[in-house]
Amino acid sequence: MNEETRPATVRVFIALAPPDHAKEELARALRPAYDTHPRMRWNRIEDWHITLAFLGELPASTVPLLRPPLAGLAKAHRPLCLGLHGGGIFDDRVLWSGIEGDLDGLHTLAADVRGVVRGCGVTFEERPLRPHLTLARARRGDRSSATEIVAGFAGFTGVRWPAERLHLVGSNVGRSSGPIHYRDIESWPLGDGKVTAP
């Protein structure tokens, strides 16, 4: 199948994004690790996000079907009060920061998002929600760097912030040999803008 006959697809997920000031606060805490571990594959700060549902590669024609129900869902949910806290490691290589705050609200929002996606006829792998920001990946065979880094910011607690928008995001995974980049396909404000503290 050549490039012209291949159906157009996009790799899609639905997420929340911390505001710039919260990301910058964590980036300052990580700055020593950027210097001491330059071989880590660090994610771009502007791409940090909390994934609620990872849909994988979808036909581009499916994406417009998701927009109206996600817009309605966002309107029905209030903003969530969240914060970045500490971190950990997945699979010895993936470095992440944890999320604290209204985790019950976050799980409810994620469950509702997944229900809306299923209601649109989109099938996807239902992974349990583990709220986090993926920060970096160690190269294959490097089993110490992520452990060293996480020890340096395990006590980090950031300021709380309101998660005010639901984002439908596309990425270029599988389309280039360079770093992963994300772009908003669309985003919607959550509720009436009033945050309920957990």
C-alpha atoms as a PDB file:
ATOM      1  CA  MET A   1       0.000   0.000   0.000  1.00  0.00           C
ATOM      2  CA  ASN A   2       1.555   3.277  -1.003  1.00  0.00           C
ATOM      3  CA  GLU A   3       1.383   6.595   0.853  1.00  0.00           C
ATOM      4  CA  GLU A   4      -1.484   7.954  -1.257  1.00  0.00           C
ATOM      5  CA  THR A   5      -3.839   4.992  -0.697  1.00  0.00           C
ATOM      6  CA  ARG A   6      -3.117   4.559   3.005  1.00  0.00           C
ATOM      7  CA  PRO A   7      -6.013   5.910   5.121  1.00  0.00           C
ATOM      8  CA  ALA A   8      -5.111   9.060   7.048  1.00  0.00           C
ATOM      9  CA  THR A   9      -4.662   8.326  10.756  1.00  0.00           C
ATOM     10  CA  VAL A  10      -3.746  10.262  13.874  1.00  0.00           C
ATOM     11  CA  ARG A  11      -2.492   9.032  17.250  1.00  0.00           C
ATOM     12  CA  VAL A  12      -4.905  10.439  19.825  1.00  0.00           C
ATOM     13  CA  PHE A  13      -5.341  10.804  23.573  1.00  0.00           C
ATOM     14  CA  ILE A  14      -7.509  12.871  25.915  1.00  0.00           C
ATOM     15  CA  ALA A  15      -5.773  14.694  28.746  1.00  0.00           C
ATOM     16  CA  LEU A  16      -5.482  17.518  31.249  1.00  0.00           C
ATOM     17  CA  ALA A  17      -2.479  19.837  31.220  1.00  0.00           C
ATOM     18  CA  PRO A  18      -0.881  21.647  34.166  1.00  0.00           C
ATOM     19  CA  PRO A  19      -0.529  25.422  33.729  1.00  0.00           C
ATOM     20  CA  ASP A  20       2.856  26.832  32.764  1.00  0.00           C
ATOM     21  CA  HIS A  21       3.713  28.067  36.271  1.00  0.00           C
ATOM     22  CA  ALA A  22       3.217  24.568  37.731  1.00  0.00           C
ATOM     23  CA  LYS A  23       5.345  22.968  35.014  1.00  0.00           C
ATOM     24  CA  GLU A  24       8.069  25.584  35.489  1.00  0.00           C
ATOM     25  CA  GLU A  25       8.106  24.919  39.245  1.00  0.00           C
ATOM     26  CA  LEU A  26       8.736  21.211  38.643  1.00  0.00           C
ATOM     27  CA  ALA A  27      11.277  21.960  35.900  1.00  0.00           C
ATOM     28  CA  ARG A  28      13.281  24.048  38.417  1.00  0.00           C
ATOM     29  CA  ALA A  29      13.335  21.063  40.791  1.00  0.00           C
ATOM     30  CA  LEU A  30      14.537  18.837  37.930  1.00  0.00           C
ATOM     31  CA  ARG A  31      17.204  21.251  36.653  1.00  0.00           C
ATOM     32  CA  PRO A  32      20.107  19.498  38.437  1.00  0.00           C
ATOM     33  CA  ALA A  33      19.053  16.206  36.804  1.00  0.00           C
ATOM     34  CA  TYR A  34      18.999  17.805  33.347  1.00  0.00           C
ATOM     35  CA  ASP A  35      22.689  18.613  33.875  1.00  0.00           C
ATOM     36  CA  THR A  36      23.754  15.328  35.491  1.00  0.00           C
ATOM     37  CA  HIS A  37      21.741  13.025  33.175  1.00  0.00           C
ATOM     38  CA  PRO A  38      21.867  14.547  29.678  1.00  0.00           C
ATOM     39  CA  ARG A  39      21.451  11.132  28.027  1.00  0.00           C
ATOM     40  CA  MET A  40      17.945  10.738  29.401  1.00  0.00           C
ATOM     41  CA  ARG A  41      15.307  11.333  26.722  1.00  0.00           C
ATOM     42  CA  TRP A  42      13.577  14.284  28.401  1.00  0.00           C
ATOM     43  CA  ASN A  43      10.049  15.138  27.278  1.00  0.00           C
ATOM     44  CA  ARG A  44       9.477  18.745  26.270  1.00  0.00           C
ATOM     45  CA  ILE A  45       7.967  20.678  29.183  1.00  0.00           C
ATOM     46  CA  GLU A  46       5.240  22.062  26.920  1.00  0.00           C
ATOM     47  CA  ASP A  47       4.136  18.461  26.238  1.00  0.00           C
ATOM     48  CA  TRP A  48       3.660  17.431  29.886  1.00  0.00           C
ATOM     49  CA  HIS A  49       0.097  16.180  30.397  1.00  0.00           C
ATOM     50  CA  ILE A  50      -2.098  13.869  32.488  1.00  0.00           C
ATOM     51  CA  THR A  51      -3.572  11.226  30.174  1.00  0.00           C
ATOM     52  CA  LEU A  52      -7.206  10.330  30.897  1.00  0.00           C
ATOM     53  CA  ALA A  53      -7.704   8.000  27.914  1.00  0.00           C
ATOM     54  CA  PHE A  54      -5.146   6.834  25.344  1.00  0.00           C
ATOM     55  CA  LEU A  55      -6.956   5.955  22.114  1.00  0.00           C
ATOM     56  CA  GLY A  56      -3.975   5.049  19.937  1.00  0.00           C
ATOM     57  CA  GLU A  57      -3.956   5.351  16.148  1.00  0.00           C
ATOM     58  CA  LEU A  58      -7.388   6.354  14.804  1.00  0.00           C
ATOM     59  CA  PRO A  59      -8.662   7.141  11.312  1.00  0.00           C
ATOM     60  CA  ALA A  60      -8.628  10.926  10.959  1.00  0.00           C
ATOM     61  CA  SER A  61     -12.313  10.732  10.019  1.00  0.00           C
ATOM     62  CA  THR A  62     -13.135   9.446  13.531  1.00  0.00           C
ATOM     63  CA  VAL A  63     -11.794  12.529  15.328  1.00  0.00           C
ATOM     64  CA  PRO A  64     -14.711  14.878  14.437  1.00  0.00           C
ATOM     65  CA  LEU A  65     -17.143  12.345  15.959  1.00  0.00           C
ATOM     66  CA  LEU A  66     -15.457  12.808  19.357  1.00  0.00           C
ATOM     67  CA  ARG A  67     -15.711  16.592  19.458  1.00  0.00           C
ATOM     68  CA  PRO A  68     -19.402  17.241  20.305  1.00  0.00           C
ATOM     69  CA  PRO A  69     -19.700  14.624  23.076  1.00  0.00           C
ATOM     70  CA  LEU A  70     -16.372  15.654  24.647  1.00  0.00           C
ATOM     71  CA  ALA A  71     -17.449  19.313  24.577  1.00  0.00           C
ATOM     72  CA  GLY A  72     -20.677  18.368  26.375  1.00  0.00           C
ATOM     73  CA  LEU A  73     -18.808  16.243  28.891  1.00  0.00           C
ATOM     74  CA  ALA A  74     -16.353  19.064  29.677  1.00  0.00           C
ATOM     75  CA  LYS A  75     -19.231  21.451  30.317  1.00  0.00           C
ATOM     76  CA  ALA A  76     -20.766  18.975  32.798  1.00  0.00           C
ATOM     77  CA  HIS A  77     -17.567  18.696  34.917  1.00  0.00           C
ATOM     78  CA  ARG A  78     -16.148  21.371  37.200  1.00  0.00           C
ATOM     79  CA  PRO A  79     -12.431  22.226  37.121  1.00  0.00           C
ATOM     80  CA  LEU A  80     -10.316  20.036  39.398  1.00  0.00           C
ATOM     81  CA  CYS A  81      -7.851  21.272  42.023  1.00  0.00           C
ATOM     82  CA  LEU A  82      -4.636  19.301  41.408  1.00  0.00           C
ATOM     83  CA  GLY A  83      -0.925  19.494  42.204  1.00  0.00           C
ATOM     84  CA  LEU A  84       2.331  17.812  41.207  1.00  0.00           C
ATOM     85  CA  HIS A  85       3.917  15.710  43.919  1.00  0.00           C
ATOM     86  CA  GLY A  86       7.016  13.516  44.063  1.00  0.00           C
ATOM     87  CA  GLY A  87       7.612  10.913  41.416  1.00  0.00           C
ATOM     88  CA  GLY A  88       8.428   7.368  40.529  1.00  0.00           C
ATOM     89  CA  ILE A  89       9.503   4.980  37.799  1.00  0.00           C
ATOM     90  CA  PHE A  90       7.652   2.630  35.455  1.00  0.00           C
ATOM     91  CA  ASP A  91       9.515  -0.389  34.027  1.00  0.00           C
ATOM     92  CA  ASP A  92      12.928   0.768  35.384  1.00  0.00           C
ATOM     93  CA  ARG A  93      13.164   3.407  32.624  1.00  0.00           C
ATOM     94  CA  VAL A  94      10.187   5.785  32.590  1.00  0.00           C
ATOM     95  CA  LEU A  95      10.464   8.723  35.001  1.00  0.00           C
ATOM     96  CA  TRP A  96       7.227  10.368  36.131  1.00  0.00           C
ATOM     97  CA  SER A  97       5.821  12.944  38.543  1.00  0.00           C
ATOM     98  CA  GLY A  98       2.796  12.095  40.652  1.00  0.00           C
ATOM     99  CA  ILE A  99      -0.500  13.971  40.925  1.00  0.00           C
ATOM    100  CA  GLU A 100      -2.287  14.915  44.140  1.00  0.00           C
ATOM    101  CA  GLY A 101      -5.463  16.817  44.945  1.00  0.00           C
ATOM    102  CA  ASP A 102      -8.972  15.907  43.789  1.00  0.00           C
ATOM    103  CA  LEU A 103      -8.090  12.385  42.672  1.00  0.00           C
ATOM    104  CA  ASP A 104     -11.687  11.169  43.080  1.00  0.00           C
ATOM    105  CA  GLY A 105     -12.803  13.877  40.673  1.00  0.00           C
ATOM    106  CA  LEU A 106      -9.963  12.974  38.321  1.00  0.00           C
ATOM    107  CA  HIS A 107     -10.972   9.294  38.273  1.00  0.00           C
ATOM    108  CA  THR A 108     -14.620  10.244  37.701  1.00  0.00           C
ATOM    109  CA  LEU A 109     -13.671  12.523  34.806  1.00  0.00           C
ATOM    110  CA  ALA A 110     -11.478   9.813  33.255  1.00  0.00           C
ATOM    111  CA  ALA A 111     -14.260   7.207  33.573  1.00  0.00           C
ATOM    112  CA  ASP A 112     -16.743   9.592  31.941  1.00  0.00           C
ATOM    113  CA  VAL A 113     -14.286  10.424  29.135  1.00  0.00           C
ATOM    114  CA  ARG A 114     -13.766   6.724  28.443  1.00  0.00           C
ATOM    115  CA  GLY A 115     -17.528   6.153  28.437  1.00  0.00           C
ATOM    116  CA  VAL A 116     -18.024   8.934  25.876  1.00  0.00           C
ATOM    117  CA  VAL A 117     -15.280   7.490  23.659  1.00  0.00           C
ATOM    118  CA  ARG A 118     -16.831   4.008  23.790  1.00  0.00           C
ATOM    119  CA  GLY A 119     -20.213   5.588  23.039  1.00  0.00           C
ATOM    120  CA  CYS A 120     -18.705   6.972  19.817  1.00  0.00           C
ATOM    121  CA  GLY A 121     -17.847   3.414  18.768  1.00  0.00           C
ATOM    122  CA  VAL A 122     -14.096   3.839  19.331  1.00  0.00           C
ATOM    123  CA  THR A 123     -12.353   0.791  20.791  1.00  0.00           C
ATOM    124  CA  PHE A 124      -9.151   1.306  22.773  1.00  0.00           C
ATOM    125  CA  GLU A 125      -7.036  -0.480  25.365  1.00  0.00           C
ATOM    126  CA  GLU A 126      -8.580   0.177  28.789  1.00  0.00           C
ATOM    127  CA  ARG A 127      -5.548   0.707  31.026  1.00  0.00           C
ATOM    128  CA  PRO A 128      -6.128   1.531  34.702  1.00  0.00           C
ATOM    129  CA  LEU A 129      -5.752   5.260  35.377  1.00  0.00           C
ATOM    130  CA  ARG A 130      -2.443   6.013  37.123  1.00  0.00           C
ATOM    131  CA  PRO A 131      -2.401   9.826  37.266  1.00  0.00           C
ATOM    132  CA  HIS A 132       1.077  11.100  36.388  1.00  0.00           C
ATOM    133  CA  LEU A 133       3.192  13.254  34.076  1.00  0.00           C
ATOM    134  CA  THR A 134       5.776  11.332  32.041  1.00  0.00           C
ATOM    135  CA  LEU A 135       8.999  13.339  32.318  1.00  0.00           C
ATOM    136  CA  ALA A 136      11.699  11.257  30.625  1.00  0.00           C
ATOM    137  CA  ARG A 137      12.807   7.825  29.468  1.00  0.00           C
ATOM    138  CA  ALA A 138      16.180   6.226  30.102  1.00  0.00           C
ATOM    139  CA  ARG A 139      17.891   4.577  27.165  1.00  0.00           C
ATOM    140  CA  ARG A 140      17.676   0.795  26.892  1.00  0.00           C
ATOM    141  CA  GLY A 141      20.105  -0.900  29.249  1.00  0.00           C
ATOM    142  CA  ASP A 142      20.279   2.126  31.571  1.00  0.00           C
ATOM    143  CA  ARG A 143      18.662   0.908  34.789  1.00  0.00           C
ATOM    144  CA  SER A 144      20.166   3.442  37.187  1.00  0.00           C
ATOM    145  CA  SER A 145      19.544   6.942  35.817  1.00  0.00           C
ATOM    146  CA  ALA A 146      15.792   7.108  36.483  1.00  0.00           C
ATOM    147  CA  THR A 147      16.297   5.750  40.012  1.00  0.00           C
ATOM    148  CA  GLU A 148      18.986   8.350  40.748  1.00  0.00           C
ATOM    149  CA  ILE A 149      16.837  11.189  39.437  1.00  0.00           C
ATOM    150  CA  VAL A 150      13.644  10.226  41.267  1.00  0.00           C
ATOM    151  CA  ALA A 151      15.536  10.137  44.570  1.00  0.00           C
ATOM    152  CA  GLY A 152      16.424  13.807  44.002  1.00  0.00           C
ATOM    153  CA  PHE A 153      12.852  15.082  43.720  1.00  0.00           C
ATOM    154  CA  ALA A 154      10.866  12.496  45.709  1.00  0.00           C
ATOM    155  CA  GLY A 155       9.951  15.175  48.267  1.00  0.00           C
ATOM    156  CA  PHE A 156       8.778  17.711  45.677  1.00  0.00           C
ATOM    157  CA  THR A 157       5.332  19.223  46.284  1.00  0.00           C
ATOM    158  CA  GLY A 158       4.126  21.875  43.872  1.00  0.00           C
ATOM    159  CA  VAL A 159       1.487  24.547  44.273  1.00  0.00           C
ATOM    160  CA  ARG A 160      -2.111  23.489  43.674  1.00  0.00           C
ATOM    161  CA  TRP A 161      -3.727  24.666  40.449  1.00  0.00           C
ATOM    162  CA  PRO A 162      -7.097  24.355  38.733  1.00  0.00           C
ATOM    163  CA  ALA A 163      -7.274  21.969  35.764  1.00  0.00           C
ATOM    164  CA  GLU A 164      -9.665  24.047  33.673  1.00  0.00           C
ATOM    165  CA  ARG A 165      -9.643  22.496  30.189  1.00  0.00           C
ATOM    166  CA  LEU A 166     -10.120  19.075  28.640  1.00  0.00           C
ATOM    167  CA  HIS A 167      -7.712  18.477  25.737  1.00  0.00           C
ATOM    168  CA  LEU A 168      -8.078  16.227  22.698  1.00  0.00           C
ATOM    169  CA  VAL A 169      -4.462  15.739  21.641  1.00  0.00           C
ATOM    170  CA  GLY A 170      -2.717  14.282  18.597  1.00  0.00           C
ATOM    171  CA  SER A 171       0.905  13.159  18.393  1.00  0.00           C
ATOM    172  CA  ASN A 172       3.458  12.311  15.732  1.00  0.00           C
ATOM    173  CA  VAL A 173       4.487   8.943  17.237  1.00  0.00           C
ATOM    174  CA  GLY A 174       5.455   6.553  14.476  1.00  0.00           C
ATOM    175  CA  ARG A 175       5.669   9.339  11.925  1.00  0.00           C
ATOM    176  CA  SER A 176       9.241  10.491  12.394  1.00  0.00           C
ATOM    177  CA  SER A 177      12.497   9.465  14.000  1.00  0.00           C
ATOM    178  CA  GLY A 178      12.686  12.656  16.074  1.00  0.00           C
ATOM    179  CA  PRO A 179      11.228  13.366  19.514  1.00  0.00           C
ATOM    180  CA  ILE A 180       7.516  12.968  20.182  1.00  0.00           C
ATOM    181  CA  HIS A 181       5.582  16.206  19.787  1.00  0.00           C
ATOM    182  CA  TYR A 182       1.957  16.789  20.735  1.00  0.00           C
ATOM    183  CA  ARG A 183      -0.604  19.282  19.483  1.00  0.00           C
ATOM    184  CA  ASP A 184      -4.068  20.156  20.673  1.00  0.00           C
ATOM    185  CA  ILE A 185      -6.663  19.064  18.154  1.00  0.00           C
ATOM    186  CA  GLU A 186      -9.193  20.911  20.294  1.00  0.00           C
ATOM    187  CA  SER A 187      -9.793  21.768  23.956  1.00  0.00           C
ATOM    188  CA  TRP A 188     -12.855  22.727  25.967  1.00  0.00           C
ATOM    189  CA  PRO A 189     -13.334  24.572  29.283  1.00  0.00           C
ATOM    190  CA  LEU A 190     -14.483  22.449  32.195  1.00  0.00           C
ATOM    191  CA  GLY A 191     -17.812  23.506  33.683  1.00  0.00           C
ATOM    192  CA  ASP A 192     -18.477  27.042  34.826  1.00  0.00           C
ATOM    193  CA  GLY A 193     -14.895  27.734  35.892  1.00  0.00           C
ATOM    194  CA  LYS A 194     -15.546  27.297  39.628  1.00  0.00           C
ATOM    195  CA  VAL A 195     -13.057  24.965  41.293  1.00  0.00           C
ATOM    196  CA  THR A 196     -14.128  22.705  44.143  1.00  0.00           C
ATOM    197  CA  ALA A 197     -11.283  22.001  46.563  1.00  0.00           C
ATOM    198  CA  PRO A 198     -10.856  18.304  47.462  1.00  0.00           C
END
